[in-house]
Amino acid sequence: MSEPAIREPSSSADSEANRVYALGSSPGESARLSRQAEELAPDSAALLDRVGLRPGQTVLDLGCGPRGVLDLLAARVNPGGRVVGLDADPRHTTMAAAFAAAHRLSGVETVTADARRTGLPSGSFDLVHSRTLLVTVPEPAQVVAEMVRLARSGGQVAVMEADTEYLMTYPPHPAWVRMGELFHVTFARNGADPHVGRRLAELFDKAGLVDVQVTARAQIYPPGHSRRTNMLSLLRSMRPQILELGLATAAELDEIDSAARGHLADPRTVAVSGLFFLAWARKP
């Protein structure tokens, strides 16, 4: 089997796209995204099953990160299909290509480009997919418009996005409350909307998609599950931005992390990690 192709960035737009990414760029964030791909695979599989992909189709995973859903897509469109993973971070497209090669995924290639301006030909894909991308960028309507442009007539757009309003623990804990404050202020510093999940139907409708369907899933994980402490991992990814904005000191961040992890380790603590909205629609 040939090695997955990697298309290199063609302009400075990609570095600009990385600067506005709400969670920053670091080895820790790359590791979190790789772990997240495994954690969210069942929800992503459920979304792709609703779309109903067939062998031989051409699909795009927009904002694929170091892995995305390349394996889930390849399993559905092969034999004879084509899977493209696109990300603005060249480290991620290199990691995604390595993942595809290690898992012997046929027909997979990766592209380094800005999800808002991919440079790919219009009407090229039977499905354009993204996961936790719209929530991390300002003006997500730009990304949705690009997704619609890339889908063929009659093709589909499918996304899975977060809505963090319902982050909570019971019983409440001051460290968790403070963590939520820091997260929302820092996350939105460049205009990203942590509540974009609820807006998906509106974004799809305004972009001209039809047959729009939306469902939601709540996340509750037991002690010891890596997803239970995901918000603390997000805060670690944003630590440089928090310190730069002067929202907290390094010592306070360490204290919050330790106290919140202790609270989440208690099996009596109920932790809701927010909502995920799954949306899919068709291009006329």
C-alpha atoms as a PDB file:
ATOM      1  CA  MET A   1       0.000   0.000   0.000  1.00  0.00           C
ATOM      2  CA  SER A   2       1.321   3.447  -0.906  1.00  0.00           C
ATOM      3  CA  GLU A   3       2.062   5.995   1.788  1.00  0.00           C
ATOM      4  CA  PRO A   4      -0.703   8.568   2.406  1.00  0.00           C
ATOM      5  CA  ALA A   5       0.048  11.780   0.536  1.00  0.00           C
ATOM      6  CA  ILE A   6       0.737  15.027   2.387  1.00  0.00           C
ATOM      7  CA  ARG A   7       0.075  18.300   0.627  1.00  0.00           C
ATOM      8  CA  GLU A   8       2.136  21.115   2.131  1.00  0.00           C
ATOM      9  CA  PRO A   9       0.803  24.599   2.978  1.00  0.00           C
ATOM     10  CA  SER A  10       0.903  27.080   0.130  1.00  0.00           C
ATOM     11  CA  SER A  11       0.597  30.409   1.930  1.00  0.00           C
ATOM     12  CA  SER A  12       0.869  32.249   5.243  1.00  0.00           C
ATOM     13  CA  ALA A  13      -2.893  31.880   5.698  1.00  0.00           C
ATOM     14  CA  ASP A  14      -2.291  28.600   7.518  1.00  0.00           C
ATOM     15  CA  SER A  15      -0.164  30.193  10.245  1.00  0.00           C
ATOM     16  CA  GLU A  16      -2.841  32.875  10.672  1.00  0.00           C
ATOM     17  CA  ALA A  17      -5.459  30.142  11.066  1.00  0.00           C
ATOM     18  CA  ASN A  18      -3.379  28.531  13.814  1.00  0.00           C
ATOM     19  CA  ARG A  19      -3.130  31.852  15.667  1.00  0.00           C
ATOM     20  CA  VAL A  20      -6.916  32.186  15.962  1.00  0.00           C
ATOM     21  CA  TYR A  21      -7.434  28.569  17.045  1.00  0.00           C
ATOM     22  CA  ALA A  22      -8.928  28.962  20.510  1.00  0.00           C
ATOM     23  CA  LEU A  23      -6.927  26.199  22.187  1.00  0.00           C
ATOM     24  CA  GLY A  24      -3.476  27.194  20.995  1.00  0.00           C
ATOM     25  CA  SER A  25      -0.769  24.966  19.566  1.00  0.00           C
ATOM     26  CA  SER A  26       1.381  22.701  21.715  1.00  0.00           C
ATOM     27  CA  PRO A  27       2.442  19.055  22.025  1.00  0.00           C
ATOM     28  CA  GLY A  28      -0.019  18.761  24.907  1.00  0.00           C
ATOM     29  CA  GLU A  29      -2.905  19.951  22.742  1.00  0.00           C
ATOM     30  CA  SER A  30      -1.910  17.548  19.965  1.00  0.00           C
ATOM     31  CA  ALA A  31      -1.894  14.703  22.490  1.00  0.00           C
ATOM     32  CA  ARG A  32      -5.304  15.764  23.802  1.00  0.00           C
ATOM     33  CA  LEU A  33      -6.737  15.773  20.268  1.00  0.00           C
ATOM     34  CA  SER A  34      -5.341  12.300  19.603  1.00  0.00           C
ATOM     35  CA  ARG A  35      -6.889  11.038  22.824  1.00  0.00           C
ATOM     36  CA  GLN A  36     -10.159  12.812  22.025  1.00  0.00           C
ATOM     37  CA  ALA A  37     -10.407  11.019  18.675  1.00  0.00           C
ATOM     38  CA  GLU A  38     -10.580   7.708  20.527  1.00  0.00           C
ATOM     39  CA  GLU A  39     -12.922   9.036  23.209  1.00  0.00           C
ATOM     40  CA  LEU A  40     -15.448  10.491  20.777  1.00  0.00           C
ATOM     41  CA  ALA A  41     -15.301   7.698  18.202  1.00  0.00           C
ATOM     42  CA  PRO A  42     -18.675   6.173  19.231  1.00  0.00           C
ATOM     43  CA  ASP A  43     -20.465   9.530  18.875  1.00  0.00           C
ATOM     44  CA  SER A  44     -18.732  10.209  15.553  1.00  0.00           C
ATOM     45  CA  ALA A  45     -19.630   6.744  14.289  1.00  0.00           C
ATOM     46  CA  ALA A  46     -23.261   7.398  15.175  1.00  0.00           C
ATOM     47  CA  LEU A  47     -23.203  10.638  13.174  1.00  0.00           C
ATOM     48  CA  LEU A  48     -21.577   9.003  10.143  1.00  0.00           C
ATOM     49  CA  ASP A  49     -24.093   6.155  10.292  1.00  0.00           C
ATOM     50  CA  ARG A  50     -26.886   8.726  10.027  1.00  0.00           C
ATOM     51  CA  VAL A  51     -25.261  10.157   6.909  1.00  0.00           C
ATOM     52  CA  GLY A  52     -25.127   6.762   5.217  1.00  0.00           C
ATOM     53  CA  LEU A  53     -21.828   6.723   3.339  1.00  0.00           C
ATOM     54  CA  ARG A  54     -21.175   4.186   0.579  1.00  0.00           C
ATOM     55  CA  PRO A  55     -18.055   2.540  -0.865  1.00  0.00           C
ATOM     56  CA  GLY A  56     -16.418   4.556  -3.611  1.00  0.00           C
ATOM     57  CA  GLN A  57     -17.402   7.963  -2.261  1.00  0.00           C
ATOM     58  CA  THR A  58     -15.053  10.908  -1.688  1.00  0.00           C
ATOM     59  CA  VAL A  59     -15.082  12.511   1.756  1.00  0.00           C
ATOM     60  CA  LEU A  60     -13.307  15.336   3.609  1.00  0.00           C
ATOM     61  CA  ASP A  61     -12.505  15.580   7.318  1.00  0.00           C
ATOM     62  CA  LEU A  62     -12.066  19.318   7.830  1.00  0.00           C
ATOM     63  CA  GLY A  63      -9.869  20.278  10.796  1.00  0.00           C
ATOM     64  CA  CYS A  64      -8.808  16.659  11.221  1.00  0.00           C
ATOM     65  CA  GLY A  65      -6.039  17.376  13.727  1.00  0.00           C
ATOM     66  CA  PRO A  66      -3.594  14.513  14.333  1.00  0.00           C
ATOM     67  CA  ARG A  67      -6.173  11.819  13.578  1.00  0.00           C
ATOM     68  CA  GLY A  68      -9.758  13.036  13.283  1.00  0.00           C
ATOM     69  CA  VAL A  69     -12.196  10.455  11.913  1.00  0.00           C
ATOM     70  CA  LEU A  70      -9.984   9.281   9.065  1.00  0.00           C
ATOM     71  CA  ASP A  71     -10.317   5.640  10.103  1.00  0.00           C
ATOM     72  CA  LEU A  72     -14.104   5.844  10.478  1.00  0.00           C
ATOM     73  CA  LEU A  73     -14.441   7.469   7.064  1.00  0.00           C
ATOM     74  CA  ALA A  74     -12.085   5.027   5.356  1.00  0.00           C
ATOM     75  CA  ALA A  75     -14.016   2.069   6.764  1.00  0.00           C
ATOM     76  CA  ARG A  76     -17.206   3.403   5.183  1.00  0.00           C
ATOM     77  CA  VAL A  77     -16.027   4.510   1.721  1.00  0.00           C
ATOM     78  CA  ASN A  78     -13.573   1.713   0.938  1.00  0.00           C
ATOM     79  CA  PRO A  79     -13.039  -0.142  -1.252  1.00  0.00           C
ATOM     80  CA  GLY A  80     -12.565   2.475  -3.928  1.00  0.00           C
ATOM     81  CA  GLY A  81     -13.169   5.568  -1.812  1.00  0.00           C
ATOM     82  CA  ARG A  82     -11.055   8.649  -1.170  1.00  0.00           C
ATOM     83  CA  VAL A  83     -10.559  10.313   2.215  1.00  0.00           C
ATOM     84  CA  VAL A  84      -8.937  13.731   2.631  1.00  0.00           C
ATOM     85  CA  GLY A  85      -7.908  15.033   6.042  1.00  0.00           C
ATOM     86  CA  LEU A  86      -7.263  18.784   6.205  1.00  0.00           C
ATOM     87  CA  ASP A  87      -5.773  20.812   9.033  1.00  0.00           C
ATOM     88  CA  ALA A  88      -4.062  24.194   9.341  1.00  0.00           C
ATOM     89  CA  ASP A  89      -1.247  22.812  11.529  1.00  0.00           C
ATOM     90  CA  PRO A  90       1.420  20.991   9.457  1.00  0.00           C
ATOM     91  CA  ARG A  91       2.403  18.953  12.502  1.00  0.00           C
ATOM     92  CA  HIS A  92      -1.124  17.607  12.641  1.00  0.00           C
ATOM     93  CA  THR A  93      -1.297  16.686   8.974  1.00  0.00           C
ATOM     94  CA  THR A  94       2.023  14.862   9.357  1.00  0.00           C
ATOM     95  CA  MET A  95       0.663  13.021  12.401  1.00  0.00           C
ATOM     96  CA  ALA A  96      -2.588  12.228  10.556  1.00  0.00           C
ATOM     97  CA  ALA A  97      -0.657  10.793   7.610  1.00  0.00           C
ATOM     98  CA  ALA A  98       1.415   8.687  10.000  1.00  0.00           C
ATOM     99  CA  PHE A  99      -1.782   7.450  11.682  1.00  0.00           C
ATOM    100  CA  ALA A 100      -3.257   6.475   8.300  1.00  0.00           C
ATOM    101  CA  ALA A 101      -0.061   4.650   7.327  1.00  0.00           C
ATOM    102  CA  ALA A 102       0.202   2.831  10.658  1.00  0.00           C
ATOM    103  CA  HIS A 103      -3.399   1.626  10.358  1.00  0.00           C
ATOM    104  CA  ARG A 104      -3.034   0.809   6.652  1.00  0.00           C
ATOM    105  CA  LEU A 105      -5.924   3.053   5.647  1.00  0.00           C
ATOM    106  CA  SER A 106      -6.381   2.983   1.879  1.00  0.00           C
ATOM    107  CA  GLY A 107      -7.156   6.065  -0.195  1.00  0.00           C
ATOM    108  CA  VAL A 108      -6.228   8.582   2.521  1.00  0.00           C
ATOM    109  CA  GLU A 109      -4.338  11.822   1.935  1.00  0.00           C
ATOM    110  CA  THR A 110      -3.747  14.894   4.100  1.00  0.00           C
ATOM    111  CA  VAL A 111      -3.714  18.577   3.192  1.00  0.00           C
ATOM    112  CA  THR A 112      -2.369  21.527   5.181  1.00  0.00           C
ATOM    113  CA  ALA A 113      -4.660  24.539   4.689  1.00  0.00           C
ATOM    114  CA  ASP A 114      -7.005  26.991   6.405  1.00  0.00           C
ATOM    115  CA  ALA A 115     -10.462  25.449   6.890  1.00  0.00           C
ATOM    116  CA  ARG A 116     -12.013  28.798   5.973  1.00  0.00           C
ATOM    117  CA  ARG A 117     -10.153  28.981   2.641  1.00  0.00           C
ATOM    118  CA  THR A 118      -9.039  25.491   1.698  1.00  0.00           C
ATOM    119  CA  GLY A 119      -8.161  26.128  -1.939  1.00  0.00           C
ATOM    120  CA  LEU A 120      -9.727  22.774  -2.859  1.00  0.00           C
ATOM    121  CA  PRO A 121     -12.026  22.553  -5.909  1.00  0.00           C
ATOM    122  CA  SER A 122     -15.733  23.273  -5.433  1.00  0.00           C
ATOM    123  CA  GLY A 123     -18.146  20.357  -5.453  1.00  0.00           C
ATOM    124  CA  SER A 124     -15.423  17.768  -4.828  1.00  0.00           C
ATOM    125  CA  PHE A 125     -16.885  15.721  -1.970  1.00  0.00           C
ATOM    126  CA  ASP A 126     -19.876  13.504  -1.247  1.00  0.00           C
ATOM    127  CA  LEU A 127     -19.480  14.411   2.438  1.00  0.00           C
ATOM    128  CA  VAL A 128     -17.711  17.283   4.175  1.00  0.00           C
ATOM    129  CA  HIS A 129     -17.304  16.537   7.889  1.00  0.00           C
ATOM    130  CA  SER A 130     -15.891  18.409  10.863  1.00  0.00           C
ATOM    131  CA  ARG A 131     -15.742  17.748  14.592  1.00  0.00           C
ATOM    132  CA  THR A 132     -15.090  20.355  17.310  1.00  0.00           C
ATOM    133  CA  LEU A 133     -13.850  22.793  14.665  1.00  0.00           C
ATOM    134  CA  LEU A 134     -16.602  25.414  14.503  1.00  0.00           C
ATOM    135  CA  VAL A 135     -16.449  25.840  18.282  1.00  0.00           C
ATOM    136  CA  THR A 136     -12.775  26.842  18.142  1.00  0.00           C
ATOM    137  CA  VAL A 137     -12.764  29.538  15.452  1.00  0.00           C
ATOM    138  CA  PRO A 138     -14.237  33.037  15.121  1.00  0.00           C
ATOM    139  CA  GLU A 139     -16.985  33.458  12.521  1.00  0.00           C
ATOM    140  CA  PRO A 140     -17.871  29.771  12.137  1.00  0.00           C
ATOM    141  CA  ALA A 141     -20.250  30.727   9.322  1.00  0.00           C
ATOM    142  CA  GLN A 142     -17.147  31.149   7.132  1.00  0.00           C
ATOM    143  CA  VAL A 143     -16.213  27.521   7.711  1.00  0.00           C
ATOM    144  CA  VAL A 144     -19.760  26.312   7.067  1.00  0.00           C
ATOM    145  CA  ALA A 145     -19.838  28.284   3.816  1.00  0.00           C
ATOM    146  CA  GLU A 146     -16.589  26.612   2.757  1.00  0.00           C
ATOM    147  CA  MET A 147     -17.999  23.200   3.666  1.00  0.00           C
ATOM    148  CA  VAL A 148     -21.046  23.859   1.497  1.00  0.00           C
ATOM    149  CA  ARG A 149     -18.852  25.026  -1.383  1.00  0.00           C
ATOM    150  CA  LEU A 150     -16.783  21.849  -1.215  1.00  0.00           C
ATOM    151  CA  ALA A 151     -19.794  19.502  -1.148  1.00  0.00           C
ATOM    152  CA  ARG A 152     -21.163  18.333  -4.472  1.00  0.00           C
ATOM    153  CA  SER A 153     -24.806  18.995  -5.393  1.00  0.00           C
ATOM    154  CA  GLY A 154     -26.808  16.476  -3.412  1.00  0.00           C
ATOM    155  CA  GLY A 155     -23.835  15.868  -1.135  1.00  0.00           C
ATOM    156  CA  GLN A 156     -23.868  16.191   2.628  1.00  0.00           C
ATOM    157  CA  VAL A 157     -22.363  18.261   5.415  1.00  0.00           C
ATOM    158  CA  ALA A 158     -22.067  16.760   8.908  1.00  0.00           C
ATOM    159  CA  VAL A 159     -20.614  18.232  12.077  1.00  0.00           C
ATOM    160  CA  MET A 160     -20.253  17.429  15.752  1.00  0.00           C
ATOM    161  CA  GLU A 161     -19.880  20.464  17.996  1.00  0.00           C
ATOM    162  CA  ALA A 162     -19.772  21.280  21.677  1.00  0.00           C
ATOM    163  CA  ASP A 163     -21.927  23.519  23.828  1.00  0.00           C
ATOM    164  CA  THR A 164     -20.269  24.158  27.184  1.00  0.00           C
ATOM    165  CA  GLU A 165     -23.022  26.010  29.051  1.00  0.00           C
ATOM    166  CA  TYR A 166     -23.968  22.950  31.071  1.00  0.00           C
ATOM    167  CA  LEU A 167     -20.543  22.185  32.510  1.00  0.00           C
ATOM    168  CA  MET A 168     -21.180  21.288  36.144  1.00  0.00           C
ATOM    169  CA  THR A 169     -20.225  19.160  39.076  1.00  0.00           C
ATOM    170  CA  TYR A 170     -22.395  18.103  41.977  1.00  0.00           C
ATOM    171  CA  PRO A 171     -21.731  18.857  44.689  1.00  0.00           C
ATOM    172  CA  PRO A 172     -20.359  22.188  43.463  1.00  0.00           C
ATOM    173  CA  HIS A 173     -16.700  22.992  44.006  1.00  0.00           C
ATOM    174  CA  PRO A 174     -14.952  26.407  43.935  1.00  0.00           C
ATOM    175  CA  ALA A 175     -12.080  25.087  41.791  1.00  0.00           C
ATOM    176  CA  TRP A 176     -14.509  23.863  39.121  1.00  0.00           C
ATOM    177  CA  VAL A 177     -16.352  27.182  39.135  1.00  0.00           C
ATOM    178  CA  ARG A 178     -13.102  29.140  38.783  1.00  0.00           C
ATOM    179  CA  MET A 179     -11.946  26.779  36.032  1.00  0.00           C
ATOM    180  CA  GLY A 180     -15.143  27.490  34.092  1.00  0.00           C
ATOM    181  CA  GLU A 181     -14.634  31.238  34.429  1.00  0.00           C
ATOM    182  CA  LEU A 182     -11.090  31.065  33.122  1.00  0.00           C
ATOM    183  CA  PHE A 183     -12.029  28.714  30.314  1.00  0.00           C
ATOM    184  CA  HIS A 184     -14.858  30.805  28.900  1.00  0.00           C
ATOM    185  CA  VAL A 185     -12.965  34.109  29.004  1.00  0.00           C
ATOM    186  CA  THR A 186      -9.820  32.661  27.446  1.00  0.00           C
ATOM    187  CA  PHE A 187     -11.607  30.478  24.924  1.00  0.00           C
ATOM    188  CA  ALA A 188     -13.577  33.430  23.564  1.00  0.00           C
ATOM    189  CA  ARG A 189     -10.615  35.812  23.389  1.00  0.00           C
ATOM    190  CA  ASN A 190     -10.469  35.661  19.565  1.00  0.00           C
ATOM    191  CA  GLY A 191     -14.214  35.457  19.039  1.00  0.00           C
ATOM    192  CA  ALA A 192     -14.754  31.691  19.361  1.00  0.00           C
ATOM    193  CA  ASP A 193     -18.213  30.700  20.622  1.00  0.00           C
ATOM    194  CA  PRO A 194     -18.227  27.896  23.233  1.00  0.00           C
ATOM    195  CA  HIS A 195     -22.006  27.593  22.709  1.00  0.00           C
ATOM    196  CA  VAL A 196     -21.898  27.088  18.945  1.00  0.00           C
ATOM    197  CA  GLY A 197     -23.534  23.662  19.170  1.00  0.00           C
ATOM    198  CA  ARG A 198     -26.998  25.122  19.622  1.00  0.00           C
ATOM    199  CA  ARG A 199     -26.477  27.324  16.559  1.00  0.00           C
ATOM    200  CA  LEU A 200     -25.808  24.533  14.062  1.00  0.00           C
ATOM    201  CA  ALA A 201     -29.299  24.380  12.569  1.00  0.00           C
ATOM    202  CA  GLU A 202     -29.272  28.154  12.068  1.00  0.00           C
ATOM    203  CA  LEU A 203     -25.796  28.119  10.517  1.00  0.00           C
ATOM    204  CA  PHE A 204     -26.772  25.305   8.148  1.00  0.00           C
ATOM    205  CA  ASP A 205     -30.007  26.989   7.146  1.00  0.00           C
ATOM    206  CA  LYS A 206     -28.330  30.329   6.425  1.00  0.00           C
ATOM    207  CA  ALA A 207     -25.677  28.541   4.343  1.00  0.00           C
ATOM    208  CA  GLY A 208     -28.392  27.144   2.072  1.00  0.00           C
ATOM    209  CA  LEU A 209     -28.417  23.531   3.249  1.00  0.00           C
ATOM    210  CA  VAL A 210     -31.677  21.564   3.303  1.00  0.00           C
ATOM    211  CA  ASP A 211     -33.058  18.586   5.229  1.00  0.00           C
ATOM    212  CA  VAL A 212     -31.251  19.857   8.331  1.00  0.00           C
ATOM    213  CA  GLN A 213     -31.332  17.454  11.267  1.00  0.00           C
ATOM    214  CA  VAL A 214     -29.881  17.924  14.762  1.00  0.00           C
ATOM    215  CA  THR A 215     -29.582  15.764  17.837  1.00  0.00           C
ATOM    216  CA  ALA A 216     -27.695  16.221  21.126  1.00  0.00           C
ATOM    217  CA  ARG A 217     -25.799  14.042  23.576  1.00  0.00           C
ATOM    218  CA  ALA A 218     -24.815  14.754  27.168  1.00  0.00           C
ATOM    219  CA  GLN A 219     -21.457  13.589  28.491  1.00  0.00           C
ATOM    220  CA  ILE A 220     -21.142  11.958  31.917  1.00  0.00           C
ATOM    221  CA  TYR A 221     -18.096   9.799  32.599  1.00  0.00           C
ATOM    222  CA  PRO A 222     -17.015   7.780  35.667  1.00  0.00           C
ATOM    223  CA  PRO A 223     -13.914   8.492  37.764  1.00  0.00           C
ATOM    224  CA  GLY A 224     -10.761   7.418  35.977  1.00  0.00           C
ATOM    225  CA  HIS A 225     -12.127   8.051  32.479  1.00  0.00           C
ATOM    226  CA  SER A 226      -9.882  10.464  30.579  1.00  0.00           C
ATOM    227  CA  ARG A 227     -12.872  12.393  29.278  1.00  0.00           C
ATOM    228  CA  ARG A 228     -13.958  13.248  32.827  1.00  0.00           C
ATOM    229  CA  THR A 229     -10.967  15.589  33.183  1.00  0.00           C
ATOM    230  CA  ASN A 230     -11.072  16.941  29.632  1.00  0.00           C
ATOM    231  CA  MET A 231     -11.857  20.495  30.760  1.00  0.00           C
ATOM    232  CA  LEU A 232      -8.710  20.492  32.865  1.00  0.00           C
ATOM    233  CA  SER A 233      -6.764  19.331  29.819  1.00  0.00           C
ATOM    234  CA  LEU A 234      -8.275  22.218  27.852  1.00  0.00           C
ATOM    235  CA  LEU A 235      -7.208  24.630  30.560  1.00  0.00           C
ATOM    236  CA  ARG A 236      -3.665  23.247  30.394  1.00  0.00           C
ATOM    237  CA  SER A 237      -3.671  23.801  26.621  1.00  0.00           C
ATOM    238  CA  MET A 238      -4.721  27.413  27.181  1.00  0.00           C
ATOM    239  CA  ARG A 239      -2.335  28.036  30.068  1.00  0.00           C
ATOM    240  CA  PRO A 240      -0.001  30.330  28.036  1.00  0.00           C
ATOM    241  CA  GLN A 241      -2.957  32.481  26.970  1.00  0.00           C
ATOM    242  CA  ILE A 242      -4.360  32.639  30.513  1.00  0.00           C
ATOM    243  CA  LEU A 243      -1.022  33.829  31.867  1.00  0.00           C
ATOM    244  CA  GLU A 244      -0.560  36.297  28.994  1.00  0.00           C
ATOM    245  CA  LEU A 245      -4.004  37.796  29.639  1.00  0.00           C
ATOM    246  CA  GLY A 246      -3.223  38.092  33.357  1.00  0.00           C
ATOM    247  CA  LEU A 247      -6.343  36.151  34.340  1.00  0.00           C
ATOM    248  CA  ALA A 248      -4.527  33.949  36.841  1.00  0.00           C
ATOM    249  CA  THR A 249      -1.049  33.216  38.137  1.00  0.00           C
ATOM    250  CA  ALA A 250       0.812  29.979  37.511  1.00  0.00           C
ATOM    251  CA  ALA A 251       0.415  29.126  41.186  1.00  0.00           C
ATOM    252  CA  GLU A 252      -3.362  29.599  41.047  1.00  0.00           C
ATOM    253  CA  LEU A 253      -3.625  27.443  37.937  1.00  0.00           C
ATOM    254  CA  ASP A 254      -1.700  24.689  39.676  1.00  0.00           C
ATOM    255  CA  GLU A 255      -3.986  24.936  42.707  1.00  0.00           C
ATOM    256  CA  ILE A 256      -7.137  24.832  40.546  1.00  0.00           C
ATOM    257  CA  ASP A 257      -5.867  21.819  38.639  1.00  0.00           C
ATOM    258  CA  SER A 258      -4.995  19.875  41.776  1.00  0.00           C
ATOM    259  CA  ALA A 259      -8.237  20.698  43.612  1.00  0.00           C
ATOM    260  CA  ALA A 260     -10.477  20.013  40.622  1.00  0.00           C
ATOM    261  CA  ARG A 261      -8.784  16.693  39.890  1.00  0.00           C
ATOM    262  CA  GLY A 262      -9.264  15.648  43.492  1.00  0.00           C
ATOM    263  CA  HIS A 263     -12.949  16.563  43.314  1.00  0.00           C
ATOM    264  CA  LEU A 264     -13.417  14.626  40.054  1.00  0.00           C
ATOM    265  CA  ALA A 265     -11.620  11.588  41.475  1.00  0.00           C
ATOM    266  CA  ASP A 266     -14.321  11.262  44.150  1.00  0.00           C
ATOM    267  CA  PRO A 267     -16.829   8.638  42.924  1.00  0.00           C
ATOM    268  CA  ARG A 268     -19.595  10.578  44.677  1.00  0.00           C
ATOM    269  CA  THR A 269     -19.029  13.588  42.388  1.00  0.00           C
ATOM    270  CA  VAL A 270     -21.378  13.854  39.419  1.00  0.00           C
ATOM    271  CA  ALA A 271     -19.641  15.629  36.532  1.00  0.00           C
ATOM    272  CA  VAL A 272     -21.401  16.780  33.376  1.00  0.00           C
ATOM    273  CA  SER A 273     -18.907  17.674  30.667  1.00  0.00           C
ATOM    274  CA  GLY A 274     -21.329  19.650  28.526  1.00  0.00           C
ATOM    275  CA  LEU A 275     -23.304  18.753  25.419  1.00  0.00           C
ATOM    276  CA  PHE A 276     -22.393  17.635  21.937  1.00  0.00           C
ATOM    277  CA  PHE A 277     -24.686  18.550  19.071  1.00  0.00           C
ATOM    278  CA  LEU A 278     -24.647  16.304  16.005  1.00  0.00           C
ATOM    279  CA  ALA A 279     -25.988  17.931  12.833  1.00  0.00           C
ATOM    280  CA  TRP A 280     -26.223  16.808   9.235  1.00  0.00           C
ATOM    281  CA  ALA A 281     -27.818  18.285   6.129  1.00  0.00           C
ATOM    282  CA  ARG A 282     -27.853  18.087   2.340  1.00  0.00           C
ATOM    283  CA  LYS A 283     -26.629  20.521  -0.292  1.00  0.00           C
ATOM    284  CA  PRO A 284     -29.387  21.125  -2.875  1.00  0.00           C
END
